[in-house]
Amino acid sequence: MRQVFLDTETTGLYHAQGHRIIEVAAVEVVNRRVTKNHFHYYINPEREIDEGAQEVHGISLEFLQDKPRFAEIYDELIAFIADAELIMHNAPFDVGFLNAEFGLMGKNPIETIVDSVTDTLKMAKEMRPGQRNNLDALCKHFGIDNSKRTLHGALLDAELLADVYMAMTRGQESLMMDLASPSSQQTQVLQQATPLLVQLATAAELVEHESYLVKLEKSGKCVWTKPV
């Protein structure tokens, strides 16, 4: 099973207002193990960055001037995420921005490219209703070291999200492993099991049994010979 954990940073909060992606990162997980394969680019948005957004991620327009445009990294991004389960924290935000970028290029929505989209924020709210469920809060809850996260950064956040997801679904992993392969103890029991031996009563034993039932009947304590 291939999963891709993805995060973006943007020039502002709303793609409908023309805001653009300035950083995109994705981390690959195969069979619940993080691989060394990841995707990461800073992107020139060709527009100003909102002051509030820059305070969150610390990325300046000056830093992005020599970085590629989104269209230049599109093919590589698609090759990385194609047919995988795409996992994001607050997926509607990232999906909205990605689809806005795709739309500017006349490309199909991301939902048609990946196998499925999973929102870990939705998962966390269902697991921890009424509690803070941002990435920092979840790292604290599951004991994941996020001390390097002084600012939001797409690559670090994607890596942390992978760790959080594994912690959130650890019980499911154990269940899947149990269902997929029996334990060594279970295997040993199955291997040692033999057909039950049925021992039939002899004719003499049957006569003795009937005689015993007659004696019980006379005493009034026999229930086996009474009509139902």
Protein backbone atom coordinates (compact mmCIF):
# COMPACT_ATOMS: atom_id res chain seq x y z
CA MET A 1 0.00 0.00 0.00
CA ARG A 2 1.49 3.33 -1.09
CA GLN A 3 0.57 6.52 0.75
CA VAL A 4 1.77 10.08 0.16
CA PHE A 5 1.66 12.70 2.92
CA LEU A 6 1.48 16.16 1.39
CA ASP A 7 1.58 19.73 2.66
CA THR A 8 1.65 23.17 1.05
CA GLU A 9 2.49 26.73 2.04
CA THR A 10 0.73 29.60 0.28
CA THR A 11 0.71 33.35 -0.26
CA GLY A 12 -2.55 33.64 1.68
CA LEU A 13 -5.58 31.79 2.94
CA TYR A 14 -7.95 31.82 -0.04
CA HIS A 15 -7.17 30.50 -3.51
CA ALA A 16 -10.43 32.06 -4.72
CA GLN A 17 -8.80 35.45 -4.08
CA GLY A 18 -5.91 34.55 -6.36
CA HIS A 19 -3.48 33.29 -3.73
CA ARG A 20 -0.91 30.77 -4.91
CA ILE A 21 1.22 27.90 -3.65
CA ILE A 22 4.79 28.82 -2.71
CA GLU A 23 5.98 25.49 -1.28
CA VAL A 24 4.83 21.91 -1.78
CA ALA A 25 6.28 18.80 -0.17
CA ALA A 26 5.30 15.15 -0.11
CA VAL A 27 6.65 12.14 1.78
CA GLU A 28 6.21 8.56 0.60
CA VAL A 29 5.11 5.74 2.90
CA VAL A 30 4.94 2.14 1.66
CA ASN A 31 3.34 -0.53 3.86
CA ARG A 32 3.41 1.89 6.81
CA ARG A 33 7.13 2.56 6.49
CA VAL A 34 8.53 5.97 5.53
CA THR A 35 10.83 5.61 2.54
CA LYS A 36 13.69 7.88 1.51
CA ASN A 37 11.61 9.04 -1.45
CA HIS A 38 10.19 12.53 -1.08
CA PHE A 39 9.15 15.51 -3.20
CA HIS A 40 9.90 19.14 -2.29
CA TYR A 41 9.93 22.44 -4.13
CA TYR A 42 9.74 26.13 -3.34
CA ILE A 43 7.72 27.92 -6.02
CA ASN A 44 7.69 31.45 -7.40
CA PRO A 45 4.03 32.54 -7.06
CA GLU A 46 4.40 35.59 -9.31
CA ARG A 47 2.45 37.68 -6.81
CA GLU A 48 2.85 39.28 -3.37
CA ILE A 49 2.70 37.27 -0.14
CA ASP A 50 0.28 38.37 2.55
CA GLU A 51 2.05 39.64 5.67
CA GLY A 52 0.08 37.29 7.92
CA ALA A 53 0.99 34.29 5.80
CA GLN A 54 4.68 35.22 5.79
CA GLU A 55 4.66 35.41 9.59
CA VAL A 56 3.43 31.78 9.66
CA HIS A 57 5.89 30.22 7.20
CA GLY A 58 8.69 32.79 7.06
CA ILE A 59 9.06 32.56 3.27
CA SER A 60 9.70 35.86 1.49
CA LEU A 61 9.00 36.80 -2.11
CA GLU A 62 12.66 37.78 -2.49
CA PHE A 63 13.68 34.21 -1.57
CA LEU A 64 11.31 32.81 -4.20
CA GLN A 65 12.40 34.96 -7.14
CA ASP A 66 14.74 32.35 -8.64
CA LYS A 67 12.48 29.36 -7.87
CA PRO A 68 10.50 27.49 -10.55
CA ARG A 69 6.88 28.32 -11.44
CA PHE A 70 4.25 25.75 -10.52
CA ALA A 71 3.82 24.70 -14.13
CA GLU A 72 7.49 23.70 -14.20
CA ILE A 73 7.13 21.19 -11.34
CA TYR A 74 3.68 19.90 -12.30
CA ASP A 75 4.76 16.77 -14.19
CA GLU A 76 7.14 15.69 -11.43
CA LEU A 77 4.47 16.24 -8.78
CA ILE A 78 1.91 14.19 -10.69
CA ALA A 79 4.37 11.34 -11.19
CA PHE A 80 5.01 11.30 -7.42
CA ILE A 81 1.40 11.29 -6.21
CA ALA A 82 -0.31 9.31 -9.00
CA ASP A 83 -2.46 6.40 -7.81
CA ALA A 84 -1.43 6.80 -4.17
CA GLU A 85 -3.62 7.49 -1.16
CA LEU A 86 -3.04 11.21 -0.63
CA ILE A 87 -3.08 12.19 3.05
CA MET A 88 -3.21 15.81 4.26
CA HIS A 89 -4.08 17.71 7.43
CA ASN A 90 -7.08 19.89 6.57
CA ALA A 91 -7.21 18.35 3.10
CA PRO A 92 -9.82 20.77 1.67
CA PHE A 93 -7.30 23.62 2.04
CA ASP A 94 -4.46 21.87 0.19
CA VAL A 95 -6.75 20.26 -2.38
CA GLY A 96 -8.36 23.63 -3.10
CA PHE A 97 -5.00 25.28 -3.75
CA LEU A 98 -3.67 22.39 -5.82
CA ASN A 99 -6.81 22.28 -7.95
CA ALA A 100 -6.62 26.06 -8.42
CA GLU A 101 -3.07 25.67 -9.76
CA PHE A 102 -4.16 22.77 -11.96
CA GLY A 103 -7.08 24.82 -13.23
CA LEU A 104 -4.79 27.66 -14.31
CA MET A 105 -3.01 25.09 -16.49
CA GLY A 106 -6.21 23.51 -17.79
CA LYS A 107 -5.45 20.24 -15.99
CA ASN A 108 -7.83 17.76 -14.32
CA PRO A 109 -8.51 17.96 -10.55
CA ILE A 110 -6.21 16.10 -8.22
CA GLU A 111 -9.00 13.70 -7.22
CA THR A 112 -8.80 12.16 -10.70
CA ILE A 113 -5.08 11.51 -10.34
CA VAL A 114 -4.74 9.91 -6.91
CA ASP A 115 -6.37 6.75 -5.58
CA SER A 116 -8.09 8.58 -2.69
CA VAL A 117 -7.82 11.62 -0.43
CA THR A 118 -7.69 11.31 3.37
CA ASP A 119 -8.05 14.22 5.78
CA THR A 120 -6.23 13.63 9.08
CA LEU A 121 -7.85 16.70 10.64
CA LYS A 122 -11.27 15.10 10.13
CA MET A 123 -9.92 11.86 11.60
CA ALA A 124 -8.51 13.68 14.63
CA LYS A 125 -11.76 15.55 15.29
CA GLU A 126 -13.62 12.25 15.32
CA MET A 127 -11.07 10.71 17.70
CA ARG A 128 -10.68 13.80 19.94
CA PRO A 129 -13.91 15.82 19.76
CA GLY A 130 -13.79 19.24 21.35
CA GLN A 131 -9.97 19.28 21.60
CA ARG A 132 -7.27 21.15 19.73
CA ASN A 133 -6.30 19.04 16.73
CA ASN A 134 -3.72 21.09 14.89
CA LEU A 135 -0.42 19.39 14.05
CA ASP A 136 1.39 20.70 17.13
CA ALA A 137 -1.38 19.51 19.46
CA LEU A 138 -1.39 16.05 17.88
CA CYS A 139 2.40 15.79 18.10
CA LYS A 140 2.16 16.59 21.81
CA HIS A 141 -0.69 14.11 22.33
CA PHE A 142 1.17 11.25 20.64
CA GLY A 143 4.62 12.13 22.02
CA ILE A 144 6.14 13.07 18.65
CA ASP A 145 9.14 15.42 18.71
CA ASN A 146 8.25 18.61 16.83
CA SER A 147 10.91 20.82 18.44
CA LYS A 148 12.32 21.77 15.00
CA ARG A 149 8.95 23.23 13.97
CA THR A 150 9.54 26.87 14.85
CA LEU A 151 7.79 27.93 11.61
CA HIS A 152 5.45 26.08 9.29
CA GLY A 153 7.39 24.31 6.55
CA ALA A 154 5.85 21.94 4.03
CA LEU A 155 8.50 19.21 4.14
CA LEU A 156 8.83 19.05 7.94
CA ASP A 157 5.06 19.20 8.33
CA ALA A 158 4.58 16.34 5.85
CA GLU A 159 7.12 14.25 7.79
CA LEU A 160 5.45 15.03 11.12
CA LEU A 161 2.04 14.27 9.64
CA ALA A 162 3.24 10.82 8.58
CA ASP A 163 4.34 10.15 12.18
CA VAL A 164 1.03 11.44 13.55
CA TYR A 165 -0.98 9.30 11.15
CA MET A 166 0.95 6.17 12.12
CA ALA A 167 0.24 6.90 15.78
CA MET A 168 -3.45 7.58 15.09
CA THR A 169 -3.87 4.30 13.21
CA ARG A 170 -1.59 2.06 15.26
CA GLY A 171 -4.48 -0.08 16.48
CA GLN A 172 -5.63 -0.61 12.90
CA GLU A 173 -2.12 -1.75 12.00
CA SER A 174 -2.16 -4.39 14.76
CA LEU A 175 -5.59 -5.58 13.67
CA MET A 176 -4.53 -5.79 10.03
CA MET A 177 -1.40 -7.73 10.97
CA ASP A 178 -3.43 -10.16 13.09
CA LEU A 179 -5.88 -10.72 10.26
CA ALA A 180 -3.19 -11.01 7.63
CA SER A 181 -1.12 -13.66 9.38
CA PRO A 182 -1.82 -15.76 12.49
CA SER A 183 0.63 -15.61 15.36
CA SER A 184 3.21 -18.35 15.80
CA GLN A 185 1.22 -19.67 18.76
CA GLN A 186 -1.97 -19.79 16.67
CA THR A 187 -0.09 -21.49 13.84
CA GLN A 188 1.31 -24.09 16.22
CA VAL A 189 -2.16 -24.87 17.59
CA LEU A 190 -3.54 -25.22 14.07
CA GLN A 191 -0.68 -27.46 13.04
CA GLN A 192 -1.04 -29.67 16.11
CA ALA A 193 -4.83 -30.04 15.87
CA THR A 194 -5.99 -33.57 14.94
CA PRO A 195 -9.45 -34.95 14.12
CA LEU A 196 -11.54 -35.87 17.17
CA LEU A 197 -11.72 -39.60 17.87
CA VAL A 198 -15.31 -40.82 18.36
CA GLN A 199 -15.43 -43.92 20.62
CA LEU A 200 -18.72 -45.85 20.22
CA ALA A 201 -20.21 -47.86 23.13
CA THR A 202 -20.01 -51.62 22.92
CA ALA A 203 -23.14 -53.83 22.99
CA ALA A 204 -22.42 -54.82 26.60
CA GLU A 205 -22.03 -51.19 27.63
CA LEU A 206 -25.34 -50.28 25.98
CA VAL A 207 -27.16 -53.08 27.90
CA GLU A 208 -25.60 -51.92 31.17
CA HIS A 209 -26.67 -48.33 30.42
CA GLU A 210 -30.28 -49.35 29.75
CA SER A 211 -30.31 -51.34 32.99
CA TYR A 212 -29.10 -48.27 34.87
CA LEU A 213 -31.83 -46.11 33.36
CA VAL A 214 -34.49 -48.65 34.44
CA LYS A 215 -33.27 -48.47 38.02
CA LEU A 216 -33.42 -44.64 37.90
CA GLU A 217 -36.92 -44.81 36.44
CA LYS A 218 -38.11 -46.93 39.36
CA SER A 219 -36.66 -44.43 41.83
CA GLY A 220 -38.48 -41.59 40.03
CA LYS A 221 -35.25 -39.72 39.38
CA CYS A 222 -34.80 -40.49 35.67
CA VAL A 223 -35.52 -37.61 33.28
CA TRP A 224 -34.12 -39.17 30.11
CA THR A 225 -36.96 -41.72 29.67
CA LYS A 226 -39.82 -39.31 30.36
CA PRO A 227 -41.80 -38.09 27.32
CA VAL A 228 -41.23 -34.47 26.34
